[in-house]
Each structure stands twice: as structure tokens, then as C-alpha cells.
Amino acid sequence: MIVGELYNYMLERELTQSMRSWSEDWAGKSHNFCSTNWHRPLPADIAVRLHRMLLTEGQPDLAARLLVSLLDDTAHG
């Protein structure tokens, strides 16, 4: 899954308010991670972190979509 794609899904669900907060609070990275990696695939370590956090936040469908995307990227990459 592409970073910007996931960010937009989470923004639509009001799980985050800005790229800065998403980068720091969700991805656990620097404040500009989302903007500088917008068109890149989400790194596996961050995908696993986000998967756990989304489950905790009661977003199992988005967590599953993220996991399937990660597995698909791994199978084709």
C-alpha cells in the first residue's frame, strides 16, 4: 500500500488530522515522513505497527486491507 493512499483512508475516517500527526503518532517517524514518502510503498515495519494500532482503534477492515496489501507486495516484490 502506498503511504498517501493509507493516509487518505485514515483521514476520511477521521483517525488523523494532518500529515504531521499521522507521521509522528501513527507511523512513529519524523514529522515529514508522510509528505516525503507520499508515493512510496509503506515499509513493512510501519505497516505492522499500523496494523496493530488500527485493530486497537476498532478499524479491523482497514487493518485487514493493510495486511493484505503488505502480503501482496511481498509476494510480488
N, C-alpha and C. Protein backbone atom coordinates (compact mmCIF):
# COMPACT_ATOMS: atom_id res chain seq x y z
N MET A 1 0.85 -1.17 0.00
CA MET A 1 0.00 0.00 0.00
C MET A 1 0.90 1.24 0.00
N ILE A 2 0.49 2.22 -0.74
CA ILE A 2 1.23 3.48 -0.85
C ILE A 2 0.91 4.35 0.37
N VAL A 3 1.93 5.05 0.87
CA VAL A 3 1.77 5.88 2.06
C VAL A 3 0.60 6.85 1.92
N GLY A 4 0.54 7.58 0.81
CA GLY A 4 -0.52 8.56 0.62
C GLY A 4 -1.91 7.95 0.57
N GLU A 5 -2.00 6.75 0.02
CA GLU A 5 -3.28 6.05 -0.05
C GLU A 5 -3.80 5.73 1.35
N LEU A 6 -2.92 5.18 2.18
CA LEU A 6 -3.33 4.85 3.55
C LEU A 6 -3.66 6.12 4.33
N TYR A 7 -2.85 7.14 4.17
CA TYR A 7 -3.12 8.40 4.86
C TYR A 7 -4.52 8.90 4.50
N ASN A 8 -4.86 8.88 3.22
CA ASN A 8 -6.19 9.36 2.80
C ASN A 8 -7.31 8.53 3.39
N TYR A 9 -7.15 7.21 3.44
CA TYR A 9 -8.16 6.36 4.08
C TYR A 9 -8.35 6.77 5.54
N MET A 10 -7.24 6.99 6.22
CA MET A 10 -7.31 7.32 7.64
C MET A 10 -7.86 8.72 7.86
N LEU A 11 -7.55 9.63 6.98
CA LEU A 11 -8.09 10.99 7.07
C LEU A 11 -9.61 10.97 6.88
N GLU A 12 -10.08 10.20 5.91
CA GLU A 12 -11.52 10.07 5.67
C GLU A 12 -12.26 9.54 6.90
N ARG A 13 -11.62 8.68 7.65
CA ARG A 13 -12.23 8.09 8.84
C ARG A 13 -11.97 8.92 10.10
N GLU A 14 -11.34 10.07 9.90
CA GLU A 14 -11.03 10.99 10.99
C GLU A 14 -10.15 10.35 12.06
N LEU A 15 -9.23 9.50 11.61
CA LEU A 15 -8.29 8.88 12.52
C LEU A 15 -7.04 9.74 12.71
N THR A 16 -6.87 10.71 11.84
CA THR A 16 -5.75 11.63 11.92
C THR A 16 -6.21 12.99 11.44
N GLN A 17 -5.47 14.01 11.82
CA GLN A 17 -5.86 15.38 11.46
C GLN A 17 -4.90 16.02 10.46
N SER A 18 -3.69 15.49 10.37
CA SER A 18 -2.70 16.11 9.48
C SER A 18 -1.61 15.08 9.14
N MET A 19 -0.85 15.40 8.10
CA MET A 19 0.27 14.54 7.73
C MET A 19 1.29 14.51 8.85
N ARG A 20 1.48 15.62 9.51
CA ARG A 20 2.44 15.67 10.62
C ARG A 20 2.03 14.72 11.74
N SER A 21 0.76 14.80 12.16
CA SER A 21 0.32 13.93 13.25
C SER A 21 0.32 12.46 12.82
N TRP A 22 -0.05 12.20 11.58
CA TRP A 22 -0.01 10.82 11.08
C TRP A 22 1.42 10.29 11.12
N SER A 23 2.35 11.09 10.63
CA SER A 23 3.76 10.68 10.60
C SER A 23 4.30 10.37 11.99
N GLU A 24 4.02 11.25 12.93
CA GLU A 24 4.56 11.10 14.28
C GLU A 24 3.79 10.09 15.11
N ASP A 25 2.47 10.22 15.14
CA ASP A 25 1.65 9.41 16.04
C ASP A 25 1.36 8.02 15.51
N TRP A 26 1.10 7.90 14.24
CA TRP A 26 0.76 6.60 13.67
C TRP A 26 1.98 5.86 13.15
N ALA A 27 2.77 6.53 12.32
CA ALA A 27 3.92 5.85 11.72
C ALA A 27 5.12 5.79 12.67
N GLY A 28 5.14 6.66 13.67
CA GLY A 28 6.26 6.68 14.61
C GLY A 28 7.53 7.22 13.98
N LYS A 29 7.37 8.10 13.02
CA LYS A 29 8.51 8.65 12.28
C LYS A 29 8.57 10.17 12.46
N SER A 30 9.47 10.79 11.73
CA SER A 30 9.62 12.24 11.81
C SER A 30 8.38 12.93 11.23
N HIS A 31 8.23 14.19 11.56
CA HIS A 31 7.04 14.95 11.19
C HIS A 31 6.78 15.02 9.68
N ASN A 32 7.80 14.85 8.87
CA ASN A 32 7.62 14.97 7.42
C ASN A 32 7.63 13.62 6.68
N PHE A 33 7.55 12.53 7.42
CA PHE A 33 7.60 11.20 6.79
C PHE A 33 6.52 11.04 5.73
N CYS A 34 5.30 11.39 6.04
CA CYS A 34 4.19 11.21 5.10
C CYS A 34 4.40 12.01 3.82
N SER A 35 4.75 13.26 3.96
CA SER A 35 4.91 14.10 2.78
C SER A 35 6.10 13.68 1.92
N THR A 36 7.18 13.25 2.53
CA THR A 36 8.36 12.87 1.74
C THR A 36 8.26 11.46 1.17
N ASN A 37 7.34 10.66 1.66
CA ASN A 37 7.17 9.28 1.18
C ASN A 37 5.79 9.05 0.56
N TRP A 38 5.10 10.09 0.20
CA TRP A 38 3.72 10.06 -0.27
C TRP A 38 3.46 8.98 -1.33
N HIS A 39 4.33 8.88 -2.32
CA HIS A 39 4.11 7.97 -3.45
C HIS A 39 4.87 6.65 -3.31
N ARG A 40 5.44 6.41 -2.15
CA ARG A 40 6.22 5.18 -1.95
C ARG A 40 5.40 4.13 -1.19
N PRO A 41 5.77 2.89 -1.39
CA PRO A 41 5.11 1.83 -0.61
C PRO A 41 5.41 1.99 0.88
N LEU A 42 4.45 1.65 1.68
CA LEU A 42 4.61 1.71 3.13
C LEU A 42 5.61 0.63 3.55
N PRO A 43 6.66 1.00 4.28
CA PRO A 43 7.62 -0.01 4.74
C PRO A 43 6.94 -1.05 5.63
N ALA A 44 7.41 -2.27 5.56
CA ALA A 44 6.79 -3.39 6.28
C ALA A 44 6.73 -3.15 7.78
N ASP A 45 7.79 -2.59 8.37
CA ASP A 45 7.78 -2.39 9.81
C ASP A 45 6.71 -1.40 10.24
N ILE A 46 6.48 -0.39 9.43
CA ILE A 46 5.45 0.59 9.75
C ILE A 46 4.07 -0.01 9.50
N ALA A 47 3.94 -0.84 8.47
CA ALA A 47 2.67 -1.50 8.19
C ALA A 47 2.25 -2.38 9.35
N VAL A 48 3.19 -3.11 9.92
CA VAL A 48 2.88 -3.98 11.06
C VAL A 48 2.45 -3.13 12.25
N ARG A 49 3.16 -2.05 12.52
CA ARG A 49 2.80 -1.13 13.62
C ARG A 49 1.39 -0.59 13.41
N LEU A 50 1.12 -0.11 12.20
CA LEU A 50 -0.19 0.47 11.91
C LEU A 50 -1.30 -0.58 11.98
N HIS A 51 -1.01 -1.78 11.55
CA HIS A 51 -1.99 -2.86 11.62
C HIS A 51 -2.45 -3.05 13.07
N ARG A 52 -1.50 -3.13 13.97
CA ARG A 52 -1.82 -3.30 15.40
C ARG A 52 -2.62 -2.12 15.93
N MET A 53 -2.18 -0.91 15.57
CA MET A 53 -2.85 0.29 16.06
C MET A 53 -4.28 0.40 15.51
N LEU A 54 -4.47 0.04 14.25
CA LEU A 54 -5.80 0.10 13.66
C LEU A 54 -6.75 -0.90 14.34
N LEU A 55 -6.25 -2.07 14.67
CA LEU A 55 -7.08 -3.04 15.39
C LEU A 55 -7.48 -2.48 16.75
N THR A 56 -6.54 -1.85 17.44
CA THR A 56 -6.82 -1.24 18.74
C THR A 56 -7.86 -0.14 18.62
N GLU A 57 -7.84 0.58 17.51
CA GLU A 57 -8.78 1.69 17.29
C GLU A 57 -10.12 1.22 16.73
N GLY A 58 -10.32 -0.08 16.63
CA GLY A 58 -11.60 -0.60 16.14
C GLY A 58 -11.79 -0.44 14.64
N GLN A 59 -10.71 -0.59 13.90
CA GLN A 59 -10.74 -0.47 12.43
C GLN A 59 -10.25 -1.77 11.78
N PRO A 60 -10.94 -2.89 12.06
CA PRO A 60 -10.43 -4.17 11.55
C PRO A 60 -10.44 -4.28 10.03
N ASP A 61 -11.37 -3.62 9.36
CA ASP A 61 -11.40 -3.71 7.90
C ASP A 61 -10.20 -3.00 7.27
N LEU A 62 -9.84 -1.85 7.80
CA LEU A 62 -8.68 -1.13 7.29
C LEU A 62 -7.40 -1.85 7.66
N ALA A 63 -7.35 -2.42 8.86
CA ALA A 63 -6.19 -3.21 9.27
C ALA A 63 -6.01 -4.41 8.35
N ALA A 64 -7.10 -5.07 8.00
CA ALA A 64 -7.04 -6.22 7.09
C ALA A 64 -6.59 -5.79 5.70
N ARG A 65 -7.11 -4.68 5.22
CA ARG A 65 -6.72 -4.17 3.90
C ARG A 65 -5.22 -3.90 3.87
N LEU A 66 -4.71 -3.33 4.94
CA LEU A 66 -3.29 -3.03 5.04
C LEU A 66 -2.46 -4.31 5.04
N LEU A 67 -2.89 -5.30 5.80
CA LEU A 67 -2.17 -6.56 5.88
C LEU A 67 -2.18 -7.29 4.53
N VAL A 68 -3.31 -7.33 3.87
CA VAL A 68 -3.41 -7.98 2.57
C VAL A 68 -2.50 -7.28 1.57
N SER A 69 -2.49 -5.96 1.63
CA SER A 69 -1.62 -5.20 0.73
C SER A 69 -0.15 -5.51 1.00
N LEU A 70 0.22 -5.59 2.26
CA LEU A 70 1.60 -5.91 2.63
C LEU A 70 1.97 -7.30 2.11
N LEU A 71 1.11 -8.27 2.30
CA LEU A 71 1.38 -9.62 1.84
C LEU A 71 1.45 -9.69 0.32
N ASP A 72 0.58 -8.94 -0.34
CA ASP A 72 0.59 -8.91 -1.80
C ASP A 72 1.88 -8.28 -2.32
N ASP A 73 2.31 -7.19 -1.69
CA ASP A 73 3.56 -6.54 -2.09
C ASP A 73 4.75 -7.48 -1.90
N THR A 74 4.73 -8.24 -0.82
CA THR A 74 5.81 -9.17 -0.53
C THR A 74 5.84 -10.30 -1.57
N ALA A 75 4.67 -10.78 -1.95
CA ALA A 75 4.58 -11.88 -2.91
C ALA A 75 5.03 -11.45 -4.31
N HIS A 76 4.79 -10.17 -4.65
CA HIS A 76 5.12 -9.70 -5.99
C HIS A 76 6.43 -8.92 -6.04
N GLY A 77 7.04 -8.68 -4.91
CA GLY A 77 8.24 -7.86 -4.91
C GLY A 77 9.44 -8.64 -4.69
